[in-house]
N, C-alpha and C. Protein backbone atom coordinates (compact mmCIF):
# COMPACT_ATOMS: atom_id res chain seq x y z
N MET A 1 117.42 86.20 89.55
CA MET A 1 116.60 86.42 90.74
C MET A 1 116.34 85.07 91.42
N ASP A 2 116.59 84.99 92.75
CA ASP A 2 116.39 83.73 93.42
C ASP A 2 114.90 83.48 93.66
N GLU A 3 114.60 82.26 94.13
CA GLU A 3 113.20 81.85 94.24
C GLU A 3 112.42 82.71 95.23
N THR A 4 113.08 83.08 96.35
CA THR A 4 112.40 83.92 97.34
C THR A 4 112.01 85.26 96.74
N ASN A 5 112.91 85.88 96.00
CA ASN A 5 112.61 87.17 95.37
C ASN A 5 111.53 87.04 94.31
N LYS A 6 111.52 85.92 93.59
CA LYS A 6 110.47 85.70 92.60
C LYS A 6 109.10 85.64 93.28
N LEU A 7 109.04 84.96 94.43
CA LEU A 7 107.78 84.87 95.16
C LEU A 7 107.34 86.23 95.68
N ARG A 8 108.29 87.01 96.23
CA ARG A 8 107.96 88.35 96.74
C ARG A 8 107.48 89.24 95.61
N ARG A 9 108.18 89.20 94.50
CA ARG A 9 107.79 90.03 93.36
C ARG A 9 106.40 89.63 92.85
N GLY A 10 106.17 88.32 92.75
CA GLY A 10 104.87 87.85 92.29
C GLY A 10 103.74 88.24 93.23
N PHE A 11 104.02 88.17 94.54
CA PHE A 11 103.01 88.54 95.53
C PHE A 11 102.57 89.99 95.34
N TRP A 12 103.56 90.91 95.28
CA TRP A 12 103.21 92.32 95.19
C TRP A 12 102.65 92.68 93.81
N ASN A 13 103.17 92.07 92.78
CA ASN A 13 102.62 92.35 91.46
C ASN A 13 101.16 91.90 91.37
N GLY A 14 100.86 90.77 92.02
CA GLY A 14 99.49 90.30 92.04
C GLY A 14 98.55 91.26 92.75
N LYS A 15 99.04 91.90 93.83
CA LYS A 15 98.23 92.89 94.53
C LYS A 15 97.84 94.04 93.60
N TYR A 16 98.83 94.55 92.86
CA TYR A 16 98.55 95.66 91.95
C TYR A 16 97.67 95.22 90.78
N ALA A 17 97.96 94.05 90.22
CA ALA A 17 97.18 93.57 89.09
C ALA A 17 95.72 93.34 89.47
N ASP A 18 95.49 92.87 90.70
CA ASP A 18 94.12 92.62 91.17
C ASP A 18 93.46 93.86 91.78
N ARG A 19 94.20 94.97 91.79
CA ARG A 19 93.73 96.22 92.39
C ARG A 19 93.39 96.06 93.87
N HIS A 20 94.11 95.16 94.52
CA HIS A 20 93.93 94.98 95.97
C HIS A 20 95.03 95.76 96.66
N THR A 21 94.86 97.08 96.67
CA THR A 21 95.90 97.97 97.20
C THR A 21 95.26 99.00 98.14
N PRO A 22 94.77 98.55 99.29
CA PRO A 22 94.08 99.48 100.19
C PRO A 22 94.97 100.57 100.77
N TRP A 23 96.30 100.39 100.71
CA TRP A 23 97.22 101.42 101.20
C TRP A 23 97.36 102.58 100.21
N ASP A 24 96.92 102.35 98.98
CA ASP A 24 97.13 103.32 97.90
C ASP A 24 96.04 104.39 97.97
N LEU A 25 96.44 105.64 98.23
CA LEU A 25 95.49 106.74 98.37
C LEU A 25 95.13 107.38 97.03
N GLY A 26 95.86 107.02 95.98
CA GLY A 26 95.62 107.65 94.68
C GLY A 26 96.24 109.03 94.56
N ARG A 27 97.10 109.37 95.50
CA ARG A 27 97.75 110.69 95.55
C ARG A 27 98.88 110.60 96.57
N GLU A 28 99.73 111.62 96.58
CA GLU A 28 100.75 111.65 97.63
C GLU A 28 100.07 111.85 98.98
N SER A 29 100.66 111.28 100.02
CA SER A 29 100.02 111.36 101.33
C SER A 29 100.32 112.69 102.01
N GLU A 30 99.41 113.10 102.88
CA GLU A 30 99.59 114.35 103.62
C GLU A 30 100.84 114.31 104.52
N PRO A 31 101.15 113.17 105.18
CA PRO A 31 102.38 113.14 105.96
C PRO A 31 103.64 113.39 105.14
N VAL A 32 103.67 112.91 103.90
CA VAL A 32 104.84 113.17 103.06
C VAL A 32 104.90 114.65 102.68
N ARG A 33 103.77 115.24 102.40
CA ARG A 33 103.75 116.70 102.16
C ARG A 33 104.34 117.43 103.36
N ARG A 34 103.96 116.96 104.53
CA ARG A 34 104.42 117.60 105.77
C ARG A 34 105.92 117.44 105.94
N LEU A 35 106.43 116.24 105.68
CA LEU A 35 107.86 116.01 105.76
C LEU A 35 108.61 116.89 104.77
N ALA A 36 108.12 116.93 103.53
CA ALA A 36 108.80 117.70 102.50
C ALA A 36 108.82 119.18 102.84
N ALA A 37 107.73 119.68 103.39
CA ALA A 37 107.63 121.11 103.68
C ALA A 37 108.51 121.53 104.85
N SER A 38 108.65 120.66 105.84
CA SER A 38 109.30 121.08 107.08
C SER A 38 110.63 120.42 107.39
N HIS A 39 110.93 119.28 106.75
CA HIS A 39 112.11 118.52 107.20
C HIS A 39 113.06 118.12 106.08
N PHE A 40 112.67 118.30 104.83
CA PHE A 40 113.59 117.99 103.74
C PHE A 40 114.62 119.11 103.61
N PRO A 41 115.84 118.76 103.18
CA PRO A 41 116.80 119.82 102.85
C PRO A 41 116.31 120.60 101.63
N SER A 42 116.87 121.78 101.42
CA SER A 42 116.44 122.59 100.27
C SER A 42 116.83 121.94 98.95
N ALA A 43 117.85 121.09 98.98
CA ALA A 43 118.28 120.36 97.78
C ALA A 43 118.89 119.04 98.23
N GLY A 44 118.98 118.10 97.30
CA GLY A 44 119.58 116.82 97.64
C GLY A 44 118.88 115.68 96.92
N CYS A 45 119.60 114.57 96.77
CA CYS A 45 119.07 113.41 96.06
C CYS A 45 118.22 112.56 97.00
N VAL A 46 117.07 112.13 96.51
CA VAL A 46 116.09 111.41 97.32
C VAL A 46 115.92 110.00 96.79
N LEU A 47 115.95 109.02 97.69
CA LEU A 47 115.67 107.63 97.38
C LEU A 47 114.34 107.25 98.01
N ILE A 48 113.46 106.62 97.21
CA ILE A 48 112.19 106.11 97.74
C ILE A 48 112.14 104.61 97.47
N PRO A 49 112.47 103.78 98.48
CA PRO A 49 112.41 102.33 98.27
C PRO A 49 110.98 101.82 98.41
N GLY A 50 110.64 100.80 97.62
CA GLY A 50 109.29 100.27 97.67
C GLY A 50 108.27 101.35 97.37
N CYS A 51 108.49 102.07 96.27
CA CYS A 51 107.72 103.29 95.99
C CYS A 51 106.29 103.04 95.55
N GLY A 52 105.95 101.79 95.18
CA GLY A 52 104.60 101.53 94.70
C GLY A 52 104.29 102.34 93.46
N ARG A 53 103.11 102.91 93.41
CA ARG A 53 102.72 103.70 92.23
C ARG A 53 103.39 105.06 92.17
N GLY A 54 104.09 105.43 93.25
CA GLY A 54 105.02 106.53 93.16
C GLY A 54 104.47 107.94 93.17
N TYR A 55 103.31 108.15 93.78
CA TYR A 55 102.78 109.51 93.83
C TYR A 55 103.74 110.45 94.55
N GLU A 56 104.35 109.95 95.61
CA GLU A 56 105.30 110.78 96.37
C GLU A 56 106.54 111.10 95.54
N ALA A 57 106.97 110.14 94.72
CA ALA A 57 108.13 110.37 93.86
C ALA A 57 107.85 111.50 92.87
N VAL A 58 106.69 111.48 92.27
CA VAL A 58 106.32 112.53 91.32
C VAL A 58 106.18 113.87 92.05
N TYR A 59 105.57 113.84 93.21
CA TYR A 59 105.38 115.07 94.00
C TYR A 59 106.72 115.74 94.29
N LEU A 60 107.70 114.96 94.71
CA LEU A 60 109.01 115.53 95.03
C LEU A 60 109.76 115.95 93.77
N ALA A 61 109.63 115.18 92.70
CA ALA A 61 110.29 115.56 91.45
C ALA A 61 109.72 116.88 90.92
N GLU A 62 108.43 117.07 91.10
CA GLU A 62 107.82 118.34 90.68
C GLU A 62 108.40 119.52 91.46
N ARG A 63 108.93 119.26 92.63
CA ARG A 63 109.51 120.32 93.46
C ARG A 63 111.02 120.42 93.30
N GLY A 64 111.54 119.77 92.27
CA GLY A 64 112.93 119.97 91.91
C GLY A 64 113.93 119.00 92.50
N TYR A 65 113.47 118.01 93.27
CA TYR A 65 114.41 117.06 93.85
C TYR A 65 114.78 115.99 92.82
N PRO A 66 116.06 115.63 92.73
CA PRO A 66 116.44 114.45 91.95
C PRO A 66 115.97 113.20 92.72
N VAL A 67 115.07 112.45 92.14
CA VAL A 67 114.42 111.34 92.83
C VAL A 67 114.76 110.02 92.13
N THR A 68 115.10 109.02 92.94
CA THR A 68 115.23 107.65 92.47
C THR A 68 114.16 106.83 93.17
N ALA A 69 113.24 106.27 92.41
CA ALA A 69 112.12 105.50 92.95
C ALA A 69 112.32 104.04 92.57
N VAL A 70 112.20 103.15 93.56
CA VAL A 70 112.52 101.74 93.35
C VAL A 70 111.33 100.86 93.73
N ASP A 71 110.97 99.96 92.85
CA ASP A 71 109.98 98.92 93.16
C ASP A 71 110.22 97.79 92.18
N PHE A 72 109.83 96.56 92.55
CA PHE A 72 110.02 95.48 91.59
C PHE A 72 108.71 94.89 91.09
N ALA A 73 107.58 95.51 91.43
CA ALA A 73 106.29 95.04 90.92
C ALA A 73 106.04 95.66 89.54
N ASP A 74 105.83 94.81 88.55
CA ASP A 74 105.65 95.29 87.18
C ASP A 74 104.56 96.35 87.06
N GLU A 75 103.41 96.06 87.66
CA GLU A 75 102.26 96.95 87.52
C GLU A 75 102.52 98.31 88.17
N ALA A 76 103.18 98.30 89.33
CA ALA A 76 103.47 99.57 90.01
C ALA A 76 104.42 100.42 89.19
N VAL A 77 105.47 99.81 88.67
CA VAL A 77 106.46 100.54 87.89
C VAL A 77 105.86 101.06 86.59
N ARG A 78 105.06 100.24 85.94
CA ARG A 78 104.40 100.70 84.71
C ARG A 78 103.53 101.92 84.99
N PHE A 79 102.76 101.88 86.06
CA PHE A 79 101.90 103.00 86.41
C PHE A 79 102.73 104.26 86.67
N LEU A 80 103.81 104.12 87.42
CA LEU A 80 104.63 105.28 87.76
C LEU A 80 105.25 105.89 86.51
N ARG A 81 105.73 105.07 85.60
CA ARG A 81 106.30 105.61 84.37
C ARG A 81 105.26 106.39 83.57
N GLU A 82 104.05 105.88 83.53
CA GLU A 82 102.98 106.59 82.82
C GLU A 82 102.62 107.89 83.54
N LEU A 83 102.56 107.83 84.86
CA LEU A 83 102.22 109.03 85.64
C LEU A 83 103.27 110.11 85.46
N ALA A 84 104.54 109.72 85.53
CA ALA A 84 105.61 110.70 85.34
C ALA A 84 105.53 111.33 83.96
N GLY A 85 105.20 110.52 82.96
CA GLY A 85 105.06 111.06 81.61
C GLY A 85 103.90 112.03 81.50
N GLU A 86 102.78 111.68 82.12
CA GLU A 86 101.61 112.57 82.09
C GLU A 86 101.91 113.90 82.78
N LYS A 87 102.67 113.83 83.87
CA LYS A 87 102.97 115.04 84.64
C LYS A 87 104.15 115.82 84.05
N GLY A 88 104.87 115.19 83.12
CA GLY A 88 106.01 115.87 82.52
C GLY A 88 107.18 116.06 83.45
N VAL A 89 107.38 115.13 84.37
CA VAL A 89 108.50 115.24 85.31
C VAL A 89 109.56 114.19 85.00
N THR A 90 110.77 114.50 85.36
CA THR A 90 111.89 113.59 85.16
C THR A 90 112.33 113.02 86.50
N LEU A 91 112.38 111.71 86.58
CA LEU A 91 112.90 111.03 87.76
C LEU A 91 113.44 109.68 87.33
N GLU A 92 114.28 109.09 88.16
CA GLU A 92 114.82 107.77 87.87
C GLU A 92 113.90 106.72 88.48
N ILE A 93 113.44 105.79 87.64
CA ILE A 93 112.54 104.74 88.08
C ILE A 93 113.24 103.41 87.85
N LEU A 94 113.49 102.67 88.93
CA LEU A 94 114.20 101.40 88.85
C LEU A 94 113.27 100.25 89.21
N GLN A 95 113.18 99.28 88.33
CA GLN A 95 112.45 98.06 88.66
C GLN A 95 113.48 97.04 89.12
N GLU A 96 113.77 97.08 90.41
CA GLU A 96 114.81 96.25 90.99
C GLU A 96 114.44 95.87 92.42
N ASP A 97 115.16 94.89 92.94
CA ASP A 97 115.06 94.53 94.35
C ASP A 97 115.79 95.61 95.15
N LEU A 98 115.10 96.28 96.05
CA LEU A 98 115.70 97.40 96.77
C LEU A 98 116.90 96.99 97.62
N PHE A 99 117.00 95.70 97.96
CA PHE A 99 118.11 95.24 98.77
C PHE A 99 119.36 94.94 97.94
N SER A 100 119.24 95.04 96.62
CA SER A 100 120.36 94.66 95.74
C SER A 100 120.77 95.78 94.80
N LEU A 101 120.52 97.03 95.18
CA LEU A 101 120.92 98.13 94.31
C LEU A 101 122.43 98.17 94.16
N ASP A 102 122.88 98.59 92.99
CA ASP A 102 124.29 98.56 92.64
C ASP A 102 125.14 99.33 93.66
N ALA A 103 126.30 98.78 93.98
CA ALA A 103 127.19 99.41 94.95
C ALA A 103 127.67 100.78 94.49
N ALA A 104 127.58 101.06 93.19
CA ALA A 104 127.96 102.39 92.70
C ALA A 104 127.08 103.48 93.29
N ARG A 105 125.94 103.10 93.82
CA ARG A 105 125.01 104.07 94.41
C ARG A 105 125.29 104.30 95.90
N ASN A 106 126.21 103.58 96.46
CA ASN A 106 126.50 103.73 97.89
C ASN A 106 126.87 105.16 98.23
N GLY A 107 126.25 105.70 99.28
CA GLY A 107 126.58 107.03 99.76
C GLY A 107 126.17 108.17 98.85
N THR A 108 125.23 107.93 97.94
CA THR A 108 124.88 108.97 96.96
C THR A 108 123.57 109.68 97.26
N PHE A 109 122.86 109.28 98.31
CA PHE A 109 121.56 109.88 98.58
C PHE A 109 121.60 110.71 99.87
N ASP A 110 120.89 111.82 99.84
CA ASP A 110 120.82 112.72 100.99
C ASP A 110 119.61 112.43 101.86
N VAL A 111 118.55 111.91 101.25
CA VAL A 111 117.32 111.58 101.97
C VAL A 111 116.82 110.23 101.49
N LEU A 112 116.44 109.39 102.43
CA LEU A 112 115.67 108.19 102.12
C LEU A 112 114.27 108.44 102.67
N LEU A 113 113.29 108.47 101.78
CA LEU A 113 111.90 108.65 102.19
C LEU A 113 111.27 107.29 102.39
N GLU A 114 110.90 107.01 103.61
CA GLU A 114 110.24 105.76 103.97
C GLU A 114 108.74 106.00 104.02
N GLN A 115 108.03 105.32 103.11
CA GLN A 115 106.58 105.52 103.03
C GLN A 115 105.96 104.20 102.62
N THR A 116 105.45 103.45 103.60
CA THR A 116 104.74 102.17 103.42
C THR A 116 105.64 101.02 102.98
N CYS A 117 106.95 101.20 102.97
CA CYS A 117 107.85 100.09 102.59
C CYS A 117 108.20 99.24 103.81
N PHE A 118 108.69 99.87 104.86
CA PHE A 118 109.17 99.13 106.03
C PHE A 118 108.07 98.24 106.60
N CYS A 119 106.86 98.76 106.70
CA CYS A 119 105.78 97.97 107.29
C CYS A 119 105.30 96.86 106.36
N ALA A 120 105.72 96.92 105.08
CA ALA A 120 105.28 95.92 104.12
C ALA A 120 106.24 94.74 103.99
N ILE A 121 107.50 94.93 104.39
CA ILE A 121 108.45 93.84 104.24
C ILE A 121 108.35 92.89 105.43
N ASP A 122 108.73 91.65 105.21
CA ASP A 122 108.71 90.67 106.29
C ASP A 122 109.69 91.10 107.39
N PRO A 123 109.32 90.96 108.65
CA PRO A 123 110.21 91.35 109.74
C PRO A 123 111.60 90.72 109.67
N SER A 124 111.73 89.58 109.02
CA SER A 124 113.04 88.96 108.87
C SER A 124 113.98 89.79 108.00
N LEU A 125 113.43 90.78 107.29
CA LEU A 125 114.23 91.62 106.40
C LEU A 125 114.58 92.98 107.01
N TYR A 126 114.21 93.21 108.26
CA TYR A 126 114.48 94.52 108.86
C TYR A 126 115.98 94.82 108.89
N ARG A 127 116.78 93.83 109.21
CA ARG A 127 118.24 94.06 109.24
C ARG A 127 118.74 94.42 107.83
N ASP A 128 118.22 93.73 106.83
CA ASP A 128 118.60 94.04 105.45
C ASP A 128 118.19 95.47 105.08
N TYR A 129 117.03 95.89 105.56
CA TYR A 129 116.58 97.26 105.28
C TYR A 129 117.53 98.28 105.90
N GLU A 130 117.89 98.07 107.16
CA GLU A 130 118.81 98.99 107.83
C GLU A 130 120.15 99.06 107.10
N GLN A 131 120.66 97.92 106.68
CA GLN A 131 121.93 97.90 105.97
C GLN A 131 121.82 98.59 104.63
N MET A 132 120.71 98.39 103.93
CA MET A 132 120.47 99.07 102.66
C MET A 132 120.46 100.57 102.84
N ALA A 133 119.71 101.04 103.84
CA ALA A 133 119.61 102.48 104.08
C ALA A 133 120.97 103.06 104.45
N HIS A 134 121.71 102.34 105.28
CA HIS A 134 123.00 102.85 105.75
C HIS A 134 124.01 102.96 104.61
N ARG A 135 124.04 101.99 103.73
CA ARG A 135 125.05 102.04 102.66
C ARG A 135 124.69 103.04 101.56
N LEU A 136 123.41 103.27 101.34
CA LEU A 136 123.01 104.14 100.25
C LEU A 136 122.99 105.62 100.63
N LEU A 137 122.76 105.93 101.90
CA LEU A 137 122.77 107.32 102.34
C LEU A 137 124.20 107.83 102.52
N ALA A 138 124.39 109.09 102.20
CA ALA A 138 125.66 109.75 102.49
C ALA A 138 125.79 109.96 103.99
N PRO A 139 127.02 110.08 104.52
CA PRO A 139 127.16 110.44 105.94
C PRO A 139 126.40 111.73 106.23
N GLY A 140 125.60 111.72 107.27
CA GLY A 140 124.75 112.86 107.57
C GLY A 140 123.43 112.84 106.83
N GLY A 141 123.25 111.84 105.95
CA GLY A 141 121.98 111.70 105.24
C GLY A 141 120.87 111.31 106.20
N ARG A 142 119.66 111.60 105.80
CA ARG A 142 118.53 111.41 106.72
C ARG A 142 117.53 110.39 106.19
N LEU A 143 117.05 109.57 107.10
CA LEU A 143 115.92 108.70 106.83
C LEU A 143 114.71 109.37 107.45
N LEU A 144 113.79 109.79 106.61
CA LEU A 144 112.56 110.46 107.04
C LEU A 144 111.40 109.54 106.68
N GLY A 145 110.64 109.14 107.69
CA GLY A 145 109.68 108.10 107.43
C GLY A 145 108.30 108.31 108.02
N VAL A 146 107.35 107.64 107.37
CA VAL A 146 105.99 107.51 107.87
C VAL A 146 105.82 106.03 108.23
N PHE A 147 105.61 105.76 109.51
CA PHE A 147 105.49 104.38 109.99
C PHE A 147 104.08 104.13 110.52
N MET A 148 103.71 102.86 110.57
CA MET A 148 102.33 102.51 110.90
C MET A 148 102.27 101.45 111.99
N GLU A 149 101.28 101.59 112.84
CA GLU A 149 100.99 100.57 113.84
C GLU A 149 99.70 99.85 113.45
N VAL A 150 99.79 98.55 113.32
CA VAL A 150 98.61 97.76 112.92
C VAL A 150 98.56 96.50 113.77
N LYS A 151 98.05 96.64 114.96
CA LYS A 151 98.02 95.53 115.90
C LYS A 151 96.94 94.52 115.52
N ASP A 152 97.22 93.27 115.86
CA ASP A 152 96.23 92.20 115.78
C ASP A 152 95.76 91.91 114.37
N ILE A 153 96.63 92.14 113.37
CA ILE A 153 96.31 91.67 112.03
C ILE A 153 97.51 90.91 111.50
N GLU A 154 97.26 90.04 110.56
CA GLU A 154 98.34 89.28 109.94
C GLU A 154 98.88 90.08 108.77
N GLY A 155 100.15 90.45 108.84
CA GLY A 155 100.73 91.29 107.80
C GLY A 155 101.00 90.55 106.51
N PRO A 156 101.38 91.30 105.48
CA PRO A 156 101.60 92.75 105.53
C PRO A 156 100.30 93.54 105.42
N PRO A 157 100.28 94.80 105.97
CA PRO A 157 101.36 95.46 106.67
C PRO A 157 101.57 94.87 108.06
N TYR A 158 102.81 95.03 108.55
CA TYR A 158 103.18 94.53 109.86
C TYR A 158 103.21 95.69 110.87
N ASP A 159 102.94 95.34 112.11
CA ASP A 159 102.91 96.34 113.17
C ASP A 159 104.31 96.91 113.41
N CYS A 160 104.42 98.22 113.37
CA CYS A 160 105.73 98.88 113.50
C CYS A 160 105.68 99.98 114.55
N PRO A 161 105.51 99.63 115.82
CA PRO A 161 105.56 100.65 116.87
C PRO A 161 106.94 101.29 116.93
N LEU A 162 107.00 102.47 117.52
CA LEU A 162 108.24 103.25 117.52
C LEU A 162 109.40 102.48 118.16
N ASP A 163 109.18 101.82 119.29
CA ASP A 163 110.26 101.11 119.96
C ASP A 163 110.86 100.04 119.05
N LEU A 164 110.01 99.34 118.31
CA LEU A 164 110.50 98.32 117.39
C LEU A 164 111.34 98.97 116.29
N VAL A 165 110.83 100.05 115.71
CA VAL A 165 111.56 100.71 114.62
C VAL A 165 112.90 101.24 115.11
N ARG A 166 112.89 101.92 116.25
CA ARG A 166 114.16 102.46 116.77
C ARG A 166 115.18 101.35 117.01
N GLY A 167 114.69 100.18 117.42
CA GLY A 167 115.59 99.07 117.69
C GLY A 167 116.29 98.52 116.46
N GLN A 168 115.78 98.85 115.27
CA GLN A 168 116.40 98.36 114.05
C GLN A 168 117.55 99.23 113.57
N PHE A 169 117.71 100.41 114.18
CA PHE A 169 118.72 101.37 113.73
C PHE A 169 119.71 101.62 114.86
N PRO A 170 120.82 100.86 114.89
CA PRO A 170 121.76 100.90 116.03
C PRO A 170 122.29 102.31 116.27
N GLU A 171 122.46 102.63 117.55
CA GLU A 171 122.85 103.99 117.92
C GLU A 171 124.26 104.33 117.47
N ASP A 172 125.10 103.33 117.24
CA ASP A 172 126.45 103.64 116.76
C ASP A 172 126.48 103.95 115.27
N ARG A 173 125.36 103.68 114.59
CA ARG A 173 125.28 103.95 113.15
C ARG A 173 124.26 105.04 112.81
N TRP A 174 123.34 105.28 113.73
CA TRP A 174 122.25 106.22 113.47
C TRP A 174 122.00 107.09 114.70
N ARG A 175 121.64 108.33 114.46
CA ARG A 175 121.11 109.19 115.51
C ARG A 175 119.60 109.28 115.32
N PHE A 176 118.87 108.93 116.37
CA PHE A 176 117.42 109.11 116.33
C PHE A 176 117.13 110.59 116.64
N ASP A 177 116.42 111.25 115.74
CA ASP A 177 116.21 112.70 115.86
C ASP A 177 114.89 113.05 116.55
N TRP A 178 113.80 112.49 116.08
CA TRP A 178 112.51 112.83 116.66
C TRP A 178 111.43 111.91 116.09
N SER A 179 110.29 111.92 116.73
CA SER A 179 109.09 111.26 116.21
C SER A 179 107.89 112.12 116.54
N GLU A 180 106.82 111.90 115.81
CA GLU A 180 105.62 112.72 116.00
C GLU A 180 104.40 111.92 115.56
N PRO A 181 103.41 111.76 116.44
CA PRO A 181 102.20 111.05 116.02
C PRO A 181 101.41 111.86 115.00
N LEU A 182 100.67 111.15 114.18
CA LEU A 182 99.86 111.80 113.15
C LEU A 182 98.38 111.61 113.43
N PRO A 183 97.55 112.55 113.00
CA PRO A 183 96.10 112.35 113.14
C PRO A 183 95.68 111.06 112.43
N ARG A 184 94.73 110.38 113.00
CA ARG A 184 94.28 109.10 112.42
C ARG A 184 93.65 109.32 111.05
N ASN A 185 94.15 108.59 110.06
CA ASN A 185 93.62 108.64 108.71
C ASN A 185 92.73 107.42 108.49
N PRO A 186 91.42 107.60 108.31
CA PRO A 186 90.54 106.44 108.17
C PRO A 186 90.82 105.61 106.92
N GLU A 187 91.58 106.18 105.99
CA GLU A 187 91.93 105.43 104.78
C GLU A 187 93.10 104.47 105.01
N ARG A 188 93.73 104.54 106.17
CA ARG A 188 94.84 103.65 106.49
C ARG A 188 94.39 102.59 107.49
N PRO A 189 95.05 101.42 107.48
CA PRO A 189 94.61 100.34 108.39
C PRO A 189 95.02 100.52 109.84
N GLY A 190 95.82 101.54 110.13
CA GLY A 190 96.22 101.76 111.51
C GLY A 190 96.79 103.15 111.70
N PRO A 191 97.02 103.57 112.96
CA PRO A 191 97.60 104.89 113.22
C PRO A 191 99.03 104.99 112.69
N GLU A 192 99.41 106.21 112.33
CA GLU A 192 100.73 106.45 111.76
C GLU A 192 101.48 107.49 112.59
N TYR A 193 102.79 107.50 112.41
CA TYR A 193 103.62 108.52 113.05
C TYR A 193 104.82 108.81 112.15
N LEU A 194 105.39 109.98 112.31
CA LEU A 194 106.61 110.35 111.62
C LEU A 194 107.80 110.02 112.50
N ALA A 195 108.92 109.68 111.87
CA ALA A 195 110.16 109.46 112.61
C ALA A 195 111.33 109.83 111.71
N ALA A 196 112.39 110.35 112.33
CA ALA A 196 113.56 110.80 111.59
C ALA A 196 114.83 110.25 112.22
N PHE A 197 115.72 109.76 111.37
CA PHE A 197 117.03 109.27 111.77
C PHE A 197 118.09 109.92 110.89
N THR A 198 119.29 110.09 111.44
CA THR A 198 120.41 110.62 110.66
C THR A 198 121.54 109.59 110.69
N LYS A 199 122.08 109.29 109.52
CA LYS A 199 123.23 108.39 109.44
C LYS A 199 124.45 109.10 110.03
N ARG A 200 125.10 108.45 110.96
CA ARG A 200 126.28 109.02 111.57
C ARG A 200 127.42 109.02 110.56
N GLY A 201 128.33 110.00 110.71
CA GLY A 201 129.45 110.11 109.78
C GLY A 201 130.37 108.93 109.84
N ASP A 202 130.90 108.53 108.69
CA ASP A 202 131.83 107.41 108.62
C ASP A 202 133.22 107.85 109.09
């Protein structure tokens, strides 16, 4: 692991170890329930990058989806493994850098669930995120996300208005499907919205 990744991993692990995790609701979020109920395919493999404590991963695994949840913070991964054991669900939990997942996984996922990851990474990594999503999703695979707007604060989380997010997913590689604002959740630091993209066929 290079020095930059060590610093990133240490930063996020420190947040969990110090219990300074204001984004953590202690449960799966209502927007993810909404996405799963109305926009997920009836079957398919799901990738959750930057899964944190992984409530959404467990929620989807309980509903029969094969889930791969990725985070590199020790405390978050430990918690998720314990939670999955308590709930009696099976899912793949990877403690890895989401930008360096093995090439054997390329094109193997039908859905990438974006939930608090994109807004947490440094804006300099947005291109890396798009490339990661594009290589890991199958042609026709969908990126279904909950994005956040947090103006006038020093991130993370970073402000992710819709125009900025759409600009990270080139039209020759992605089809933008729709977006939808969400009711304001006082437990979150800013307003949220749903957005959906489809990877164009290779």
